[in-house]
Amino acid sequence: MDVRGERRAAERAARELITGKVTFIGDVGEAAAARKTAQTGVEEARDRARQLVEEAKQQGERLVADARAKVPETDAAYAEAFDRAVSEGWTAQLLTSLGYPAPSRQARRPRAAVEVVGRTELVPPPEPQVAPSVAA
């Protein structure tokens, strides 16, 4: 029996066994690192999603506020055009039958801010005075 040959065979078998086990532990380490990266990615994605939702909410609020800011001006312009048409001979009934609703009183008479003893109040402008007609 060759003692040296047996020794080499035993060492070779041990190396093959250890090499296989080292490969497996390397796979475990690599998978653990990938798992940790994925978990961190979920938290980062969640944080970014919250940020995007908040930004979208703020942008939506700005869009609505900008649109609302245009309404009084366009209401007043519509009321002015409607009233001008009526003063030129169109009737309000005919205009509404054509699909043009009568403007609201608010659109016709915007309120003016008036300072009253240290506070501001909104009051309607005075009614226009119409001269009495003289019968001939």
N, C-alpha and C. Protein backbone atom coordinates (compact mmCIF):
# COMPACT_ATOMS: atom_id res chain seq x y z
N MET A 1 0.83 -1.16 0.00
CA MET A 1 0.00 0.00 0.00
C MET A 1 0.88 1.23 0.00
N ASP A 2 0.50 2.17 -0.86
CA ASP A 2 1.27 3.39 -1.02
C ASP A 2 0.70 4.43 -0.08
N VAL A 3 1.41 4.78 0.97
CA VAL A 3 0.95 5.71 2.00
C VAL A 3 0.84 7.11 1.41
N ARG A 4 1.83 7.45 0.65
CA ARG A 4 1.77 8.79 0.05
C ARG A 4 0.61 8.91 -0.92
N GLY A 5 0.34 7.94 -1.66
CA GLY A 5 -0.78 7.97 -2.62
C GLY A 5 -2.11 8.10 -1.90
N GLU A 6 -2.23 7.37 -0.80
CA GLU A 6 -3.46 7.44 -0.01
C GLU A 6 -3.64 8.84 0.58
N ARG A 7 -2.53 9.40 1.04
CA ARG A 7 -2.59 10.74 1.62
C ARG A 7 -3.05 11.73 0.56
N ARG A 8 -2.46 11.66 -0.61
CA ARG A 8 -2.85 12.59 -1.68
C ARG A 8 -4.31 12.38 -2.08
N ALA A 9 -4.75 11.18 -2.14
CA ALA A 9 -6.14 10.89 -2.50
C ALA A 9 -7.08 11.46 -1.44
N ALA A 10 -6.73 11.32 -0.18
CA ALA A 10 -7.56 11.84 0.91
C ALA A 10 -7.59 13.36 0.87
N GLU A 11 -6.44 13.99 0.63
CA GLU A 11 -6.39 15.45 0.55
C GLU A 11 -7.20 15.95 -0.65
N ARG A 12 -7.08 15.24 -1.78
CA ARG A 12 -7.80 15.62 -2.99
C ARG A 12 -9.32 15.53 -2.73
N ALA A 13 -9.76 14.49 -2.08
CA ALA A 13 -11.18 14.32 -1.77
C ALA A 13 -11.66 15.42 -0.82
N ALA A 14 -10.83 15.77 0.15
CA ALA A 14 -11.18 16.83 1.11
C ALA A 14 -11.26 18.17 0.40
N ARG A 15 -10.30 18.45 -0.52
CA ARG A 15 -10.33 19.72 -1.27
C ARG A 15 -11.59 19.81 -2.13
N GLU A 16 -11.95 18.74 -2.79
CA GLU A 16 -13.15 18.75 -3.62
C GLU A 16 -14.40 19.00 -2.77
N LEU A 17 -14.43 18.38 -1.61
CA LEU A 17 -15.55 18.57 -0.70
C LEU A 17 -15.60 20.02 -0.21
N ILE A 18 -14.46 20.57 0.21
CA ILE A 18 -14.39 21.94 0.70
C ILE A 18 -14.68 22.93 -0.42
N THR A 19 -14.14 22.69 -1.61
CA THR A 19 -14.37 23.58 -2.75
C THR A 19 -15.86 23.66 -3.06
N GLY A 20 -16.53 22.57 -3.05
CA GLY A 20 -17.98 22.54 -3.28
C GLY A 20 -18.72 23.33 -2.22
N LYS A 21 -18.32 23.15 -0.95
CA LYS A 21 -18.97 23.86 0.14
C LYS A 21 -18.67 25.36 0.06
N VAL A 22 -17.47 25.73 -0.30
CA VAL A 22 -17.10 27.14 -0.43
C VAL A 22 -17.94 27.79 -1.52
N THR A 23 -18.15 27.10 -2.62
CA THR A 23 -18.97 27.63 -3.70
C THR A 23 -20.39 27.88 -3.21
N PHE A 24 -20.93 26.94 -2.45
CA PHE A 24 -22.30 27.10 -1.94
C PHE A 24 -22.41 28.28 -0.98
N ILE A 25 -21.43 28.44 -0.08
CA ILE A 25 -21.48 29.56 0.85
C ILE A 25 -21.32 30.88 0.10
N GLY A 26 -20.55 30.89 -0.97
CA GLY A 26 -20.43 32.08 -1.82
C GLY A 26 -21.77 32.43 -2.46
N ASP A 27 -22.50 31.40 -2.90
CA ASP A 27 -23.83 31.62 -3.47
C ASP A 27 -24.78 32.21 -2.44
N VAL A 28 -24.68 31.72 -1.20
CA VAL A 28 -25.53 32.22 -0.13
C VAL A 28 -25.21 33.69 0.15
N GLY A 29 -23.94 34.04 0.22
CA GLY A 29 -23.52 35.42 0.45
C GLY A 29 -23.99 36.35 -0.66
N GLU A 30 -23.86 35.91 -1.90
CA GLU A 30 -24.30 36.72 -3.04
C GLU A 30 -25.82 36.92 -3.02
N ALA A 31 -26.57 35.86 -2.73
CA ALA A 31 -28.03 35.96 -2.67
C ALA A 31 -28.47 36.86 -1.51
N ALA A 32 -27.76 36.81 -0.39
CA ALA A 32 -28.09 37.66 0.76
C ALA A 32 -27.88 39.13 0.40
N ALA A 33 -26.81 39.44 -0.31
CA ALA A 33 -26.54 40.82 -0.71
C ALA A 33 -27.61 41.31 -1.69
N ALA A 34 -28.00 40.46 -2.64
CA ALA A 34 -29.03 40.84 -3.61
C ALA A 34 -30.36 41.07 -2.90
N ARG A 35 -30.65 40.22 -1.91
CA ARG A 35 -31.89 40.35 -1.14
C ARG A 35 -31.92 41.68 -0.38
N LYS A 36 -30.81 42.03 0.25
CA LYS A 36 -30.73 43.29 1.00
C LYS A 36 -30.89 44.48 0.07
N THR A 37 -30.27 44.43 -1.10
CA THR A 37 -30.39 45.50 -2.09
C THR A 37 -31.84 45.66 -2.54
N ALA A 38 -32.51 44.53 -2.77
CA ALA A 38 -33.92 44.58 -3.20
C ALA A 38 -34.79 45.18 -2.10
N GLN A 39 -34.57 44.81 -0.85
CA GLN A 39 -35.36 45.35 0.25
C GLN A 39 -35.13 46.86 0.40
N THR A 40 -33.89 47.28 0.26
CA THR A 40 -33.59 48.71 0.31
C THR A 40 -34.26 49.42 -0.85
N GLY A 41 -34.28 48.80 -2.01
CA GLY A 41 -34.94 49.37 -3.18
C GLY A 41 -36.42 49.59 -2.97
N VAL A 42 -37.06 48.69 -2.24
CA VAL A 42 -38.49 48.85 -1.95
C VAL A 42 -38.71 50.10 -1.10
N GLU A 43 -37.92 50.29 -0.08
CA GLU A 43 -38.05 51.47 0.77
C GLU A 43 -37.79 52.75 -0.02
N GLU A 44 -36.76 52.74 -0.85
CA GLU A 44 -36.45 53.92 -1.66
C GLU A 44 -37.59 54.22 -2.63
N ALA A 45 -38.15 53.17 -3.24
CA ALA A 45 -39.27 53.34 -4.17
C ALA A 45 -40.49 53.89 -3.45
N ARG A 46 -40.74 53.40 -2.24
CA ARG A 46 -41.88 53.88 -1.45
C ARG A 46 -41.71 55.37 -1.12
N ASP A 47 -40.50 55.76 -0.72
CA ASP A 47 -40.24 57.17 -0.42
C ASP A 47 -40.42 58.05 -1.65
N ARG A 48 -39.90 57.59 -2.78
CA ARG A 48 -40.02 58.35 -4.03
C ARG A 48 -41.49 58.46 -4.46
N ALA A 49 -42.23 57.37 -4.28
CA ALA A 49 -43.65 57.38 -4.63
C ALA A 49 -44.40 58.41 -3.79
N ARG A 50 -44.11 58.46 -2.50
CA ARG A 50 -44.75 59.46 -1.63
C ARG A 50 -44.43 60.87 -2.11
N GLN A 51 -43.17 61.08 -2.48
CA GLN A 51 -42.74 62.39 -2.97
C GLN A 51 -43.48 62.76 -4.25
N LEU A 52 -43.59 61.81 -5.18
CA LEU A 52 -44.27 62.07 -6.44
C LEU A 52 -45.76 62.36 -6.23
N VAL A 53 -46.38 61.63 -5.31
CA VAL A 53 -47.80 61.87 -5.02
C VAL A 53 -47.98 63.27 -4.44
N GLU A 54 -47.11 63.67 -3.54
CA GLU A 54 -47.20 65.00 -2.94
C GLU A 54 -47.00 66.09 -4.00
N GLU A 55 -46.02 65.90 -4.87
CA GLU A 55 -45.78 66.87 -5.94
C GLU A 55 -46.99 66.96 -6.88
N ALA A 56 -47.57 65.81 -7.21
CA ALA A 56 -48.74 65.79 -8.09
C ALA A 56 -49.93 66.48 -7.41
N LYS A 57 -50.10 66.25 -6.12
CA LYS A 57 -51.18 66.90 -5.37
C LYS A 57 -51.01 68.41 -5.40
N GLN A 58 -49.80 68.88 -5.16
CA GLN A 58 -49.54 70.32 -5.17
C GLN A 58 -49.76 70.91 -6.56
N GLN A 59 -49.33 70.19 -7.58
CA GLN A 59 -49.53 70.67 -8.94
C GLN A 59 -51.03 70.72 -9.27
N GLY A 60 -51.76 69.70 -8.85
CA GLY A 60 -53.21 69.70 -9.06
C GLY A 60 -53.89 70.86 -8.37
N GLU A 61 -53.48 71.14 -7.15
CA GLU A 61 -54.05 72.27 -6.41
C GLU A 61 -53.75 73.59 -7.12
N ARG A 62 -52.53 73.71 -7.68
CA ARG A 62 -52.18 74.93 -8.43
C ARG A 62 -53.04 75.06 -9.68
N LEU A 63 -53.24 73.95 -10.38
CA LEU A 63 -54.06 73.98 -11.59
C LEU A 63 -55.48 74.43 -11.29
N VAL A 64 -56.06 73.88 -10.23
CA VAL A 64 -57.43 74.24 -9.84
C VAL A 64 -57.49 75.71 -9.42
N ALA A 65 -56.52 76.15 -8.64
CA ALA A 65 -56.49 77.55 -8.19
C ALA A 65 -56.36 78.50 -9.38
N ASP A 66 -55.50 78.16 -10.33
CA ASP A 66 -55.35 79.00 -11.53
C ASP A 66 -56.64 79.06 -12.33
N ALA A 67 -57.31 77.91 -12.47
CA ALA A 67 -58.57 77.88 -13.21
C ALA A 67 -59.64 78.69 -12.49
N ARG A 68 -59.71 78.55 -11.17
CA ARG A 68 -60.71 79.30 -10.39
C ARG A 68 -60.45 80.80 -10.47
N ALA A 69 -59.20 81.21 -10.55
CA ALA A 69 -58.86 82.63 -10.60
C ALA A 69 -59.38 83.27 -11.89
N LYS A 70 -59.54 82.50 -12.94
CA LYS A 70 -60.01 83.03 -14.22
C LYS A 70 -61.52 83.21 -14.26
N VAL A 71 -62.25 82.51 -13.41
CA VAL A 71 -63.71 82.51 -13.47
C VAL A 71 -64.33 83.88 -13.25
N PRO A 72 -63.97 84.63 -12.20
CA PRO A 72 -64.63 85.94 -12.00
C PRO A 72 -64.45 86.88 -13.19
N GLU A 73 -63.28 86.91 -13.77
CA GLU A 73 -63.02 87.80 -14.90
C GLU A 73 -63.87 87.40 -16.10
N THR A 74 -63.94 86.10 -16.38
CA THR A 74 -64.73 85.65 -17.53
C THR A 74 -66.22 85.81 -17.26
N ASP A 75 -66.64 85.62 -15.99
CA ASP A 75 -68.05 85.85 -15.64
C ASP A 75 -68.42 87.31 -15.88
N ALA A 76 -67.55 88.21 -15.45
CA ALA A 76 -67.82 89.64 -15.63
C ALA A 76 -67.86 90.01 -17.11
N ALA A 77 -66.96 89.47 -17.91
CA ALA A 77 -66.95 89.76 -19.34
C ALA A 77 -68.21 89.21 -20.01
N TYR A 78 -68.65 88.03 -19.59
CA TYR A 78 -69.88 87.45 -20.13
C TYR A 78 -71.09 88.32 -19.76
N ALA A 79 -71.14 88.72 -18.51
CA ALA A 79 -72.26 89.56 -18.05
C ALA A 79 -72.29 90.87 -18.83
N GLU A 80 -71.12 91.44 -19.05
CA GLU A 80 -71.04 92.70 -19.79
C GLU A 80 -71.54 92.51 -21.23
N ALA A 81 -71.12 91.44 -21.88
CA ALA A 81 -71.54 91.17 -23.26
C ALA A 81 -73.05 90.90 -23.31
N PHE A 82 -73.56 90.14 -22.37
CA PHE A 82 -74.98 89.82 -22.31
C PHE A 82 -75.79 91.11 -22.12
N ASP A 83 -75.38 91.92 -21.15
CA ASP A 83 -76.08 93.18 -20.87
C ASP A 83 -76.01 94.12 -22.07
N ARG A 84 -74.88 94.14 -22.75
CA ARG A 84 -74.74 95.00 -23.94
C ARG A 84 -75.70 94.53 -25.03
N ALA A 85 -75.83 93.22 -25.19
CA ALA A 85 -76.76 92.69 -26.19
C ALA A 85 -78.19 93.08 -25.85
N VAL A 86 -78.54 93.00 -24.57
CA VAL A 86 -79.89 93.38 -24.14
C VAL A 86 -80.11 94.87 -24.36
N SER A 87 -79.10 95.68 -24.05
CA SER A 87 -79.26 97.12 -24.23
C SER A 87 -79.35 97.50 -25.71
N GLU A 88 -78.88 96.65 -26.59
CA GLU A 88 -78.94 96.93 -28.03
C GLU A 88 -80.17 96.31 -28.69
N GLY A 89 -81.08 95.76 -27.88
CA GLY A 89 -82.34 95.31 -28.46
C GLY A 89 -82.65 93.82 -28.31
N TRP A 90 -81.69 93.02 -27.94
CA TRP A 90 -81.98 91.61 -27.71
C TRP A 90 -82.71 91.49 -26.37
N THR A 91 -83.58 90.51 -26.26
CA THR A 91 -84.23 90.28 -24.97
C THR A 91 -83.47 89.18 -24.25
N ALA A 92 -83.52 89.24 -22.94
CA ALA A 92 -82.87 88.20 -22.14
C ALA A 92 -83.49 86.85 -22.45
N GLN A 93 -84.82 86.84 -22.66
CA GLN A 93 -85.51 85.58 -22.96
C GLN A 93 -85.00 84.98 -24.27
N LEU A 94 -84.82 85.82 -25.29
CA LEU A 94 -84.34 85.33 -26.58
C LEU A 94 -82.90 84.80 -26.44
N LEU A 95 -82.07 85.53 -25.71
CA LEU A 95 -80.69 85.08 -25.50
C LEU A 95 -80.65 83.74 -24.77
N THR A 96 -81.50 83.59 -23.75
CA THR A 96 -81.51 82.31 -23.03
C THR A 96 -82.06 81.20 -23.90
N SER A 97 -83.01 81.51 -24.78
CA SER A 97 -83.54 80.48 -25.67
C SER A 97 -82.48 80.03 -26.69
N LEU A 98 -81.52 80.89 -26.95
CA LEU A 98 -80.40 80.54 -27.85
C LEU A 98 -79.29 79.79 -27.11
N GLY A 99 -79.48 79.58 -25.81
CA GLY A 99 -78.50 78.82 -25.04
C GLY A 99 -77.55 79.67 -24.23
N TYR A 100 -77.81 80.96 -24.13
CA TYR A 100 -76.96 81.85 -23.35
C TYR A 100 -77.68 82.20 -22.05
N PRO A 101 -77.35 81.53 -20.97
CA PRO A 101 -78.05 81.80 -19.70
C PRO A 101 -77.77 83.22 -19.21
N ALA A 102 -78.75 83.74 -18.52
CA ALA A 102 -78.58 85.08 -17.94
C ALA A 102 -77.45 85.02 -16.91
N PRO A 103 -76.59 86.01 -16.92
CA PRO A 103 -75.49 86.01 -15.95
C PRO A 103 -76.01 86.16 -14.53
N SER A 104 -75.26 85.65 -13.60
CA SER A 104 -75.65 85.78 -12.19
C SER A 104 -75.50 87.23 -11.76
N ARG A 105 -76.19 87.60 -10.70
CA ARG A 105 -76.11 88.97 -10.19
C ARG A 105 -74.68 89.28 -9.75
N GLN A 106 -73.99 88.28 -9.21
CA GLN A 106 -72.60 88.51 -8.78
C GLN A 106 -71.73 88.93 -9.95
N ALA A 107 -71.93 88.28 -11.10
CA ALA A 107 -71.11 88.61 -12.27
C ALA A 107 -71.43 90.01 -12.77
N ARG A 108 -72.67 90.44 -12.60
CA ARG A 108 -73.07 91.76 -13.08
C ARG A 108 -72.58 92.87 -12.18
N ARG A 109 -72.59 92.60 -10.88
CA ARG A 109 -72.23 93.65 -9.92
C ARG A 109 -71.12 93.16 -9.01
N PRO A 110 -69.89 93.26 -9.44
CA PRO A 110 -68.81 92.85 -8.54
C PRO A 110 -68.79 93.75 -7.32
N ARG A 111 -68.49 93.18 -6.20
CA ARG A 111 -68.46 93.94 -4.95
C ARG A 111 -67.14 94.69 -4.84
N ALA A 112 -67.23 95.85 -4.22
CA ALA A 112 -66.04 96.66 -4.00
C ALA A 112 -65.68 96.61 -2.53
N ALA A 113 -64.42 96.58 -2.24
CA ALA A 113 -63.98 96.58 -0.84
C ALA A 113 -64.03 98.01 -0.32
N VAL A 114 -64.60 98.16 0.87
CA VAL A 114 -64.73 99.48 1.49
C VAL A 114 -64.20 99.39 2.91
N GLU A 115 -63.36 100.33 3.29
CA GLU A 115 -62.81 100.38 4.65
C GLU A 115 -63.87 100.99 5.57
N VAL A 116 -64.26 100.24 6.62
CA VAL A 116 -65.26 100.72 7.58
C VAL A 116 -64.68 100.60 8.97
N VAL A 117 -64.31 101.69 9.58
CA VAL A 117 -63.77 101.77 10.94
C VAL A 117 -62.84 100.60 11.24
N GLY A 118 -61.73 100.56 10.52
CA GLY A 118 -60.69 99.58 10.82
C GLY A 118 -60.91 98.19 10.27
N ARG A 119 -61.99 97.95 9.53
CA ARG A 119 -62.18 96.63 8.94
C ARG A 119 -62.68 96.80 7.51
N THR A 120 -62.44 95.80 6.71
CA THR A 120 -62.85 95.88 5.32
C THR A 120 -64.14 95.09 5.14
N GLU A 121 -65.11 95.69 4.48
CA GLU A 121 -66.37 95.02 4.19
C GLU A 121 -66.59 95.06 2.69
N LEU A 122 -67.30 94.05 2.20
CA LEU A 122 -67.65 94.04 0.79
C LEU A 122 -69.06 94.59 0.65
N VAL A 123 -69.20 95.57 -0.21
CA VAL A 123 -70.52 96.17 -0.45
C VAL A 123 -70.74 96.27 -1.94
N PRO A 124 -71.99 96.14 -2.38
CA PRO A 124 -72.24 96.28 -3.82
C PRO A 124 -72.13 97.74 -4.22
N PRO A 125 -71.75 98.00 -5.46
CA PRO A 125 -71.69 99.39 -5.92
C PRO A 125 -73.11 99.97 -5.97
N PRO A 126 -73.24 101.27 -5.93
CA PRO A 126 -74.58 101.88 -5.95
C PRO A 126 -75.29 101.58 -7.26
N GLU A 127 -76.62 101.48 -7.16
CA GLU A 127 -77.45 101.25 -8.33
C GLU A 127 -77.37 102.48 -9.24
N PRO A 128 -77.32 102.29 -10.55
CA PRO A 128 -77.29 103.46 -11.44
C PRO A 128 -78.63 104.19 -11.37
N GLN A 129 -78.54 105.49 -11.40
CA GLN A 129 -79.75 106.33 -11.34
C GLN A 129 -80.28 106.54 -12.76
N VAL A 130 -81.56 106.25 -12.93
CA VAL A 130 -82.20 106.44 -14.23
C VAL A 130 -83.06 107.69 -14.15
N ALA A 131 -82.86 108.56 -15.11
CA ALA A 131 -83.63 109.81 -15.11
C ALA A 131 -85.08 109.49 -15.46
N PRO A 132 -86.03 110.10 -14.75
CA PRO A 132 -87.44 109.83 -15.07
C PRO A 132 -87.75 110.34 -16.46
N SER A 133 -88.59 109.58 -17.15
CA SER A 133 -88.95 110.00 -18.50
C SER A 133 -90.03 111.08 -18.42
N VAL A 134 -89.96 111.99 -19.32
CA VAL A 134 -90.89 113.11 -19.34
C VAL A 134 -91.90 112.83 -20.43
N ALA A 135 -93.18 112.80 -20.06
CA ALA A 135 -94.23 112.55 -21.07
C ALA A 135 -94.48 113.83 -21.84
N ALA A 136 -94.58 113.73 -23.13
CA ALA A 136 -94.79 114.92 -23.95
C ALA A 136 -96.22 115.27 -24.11
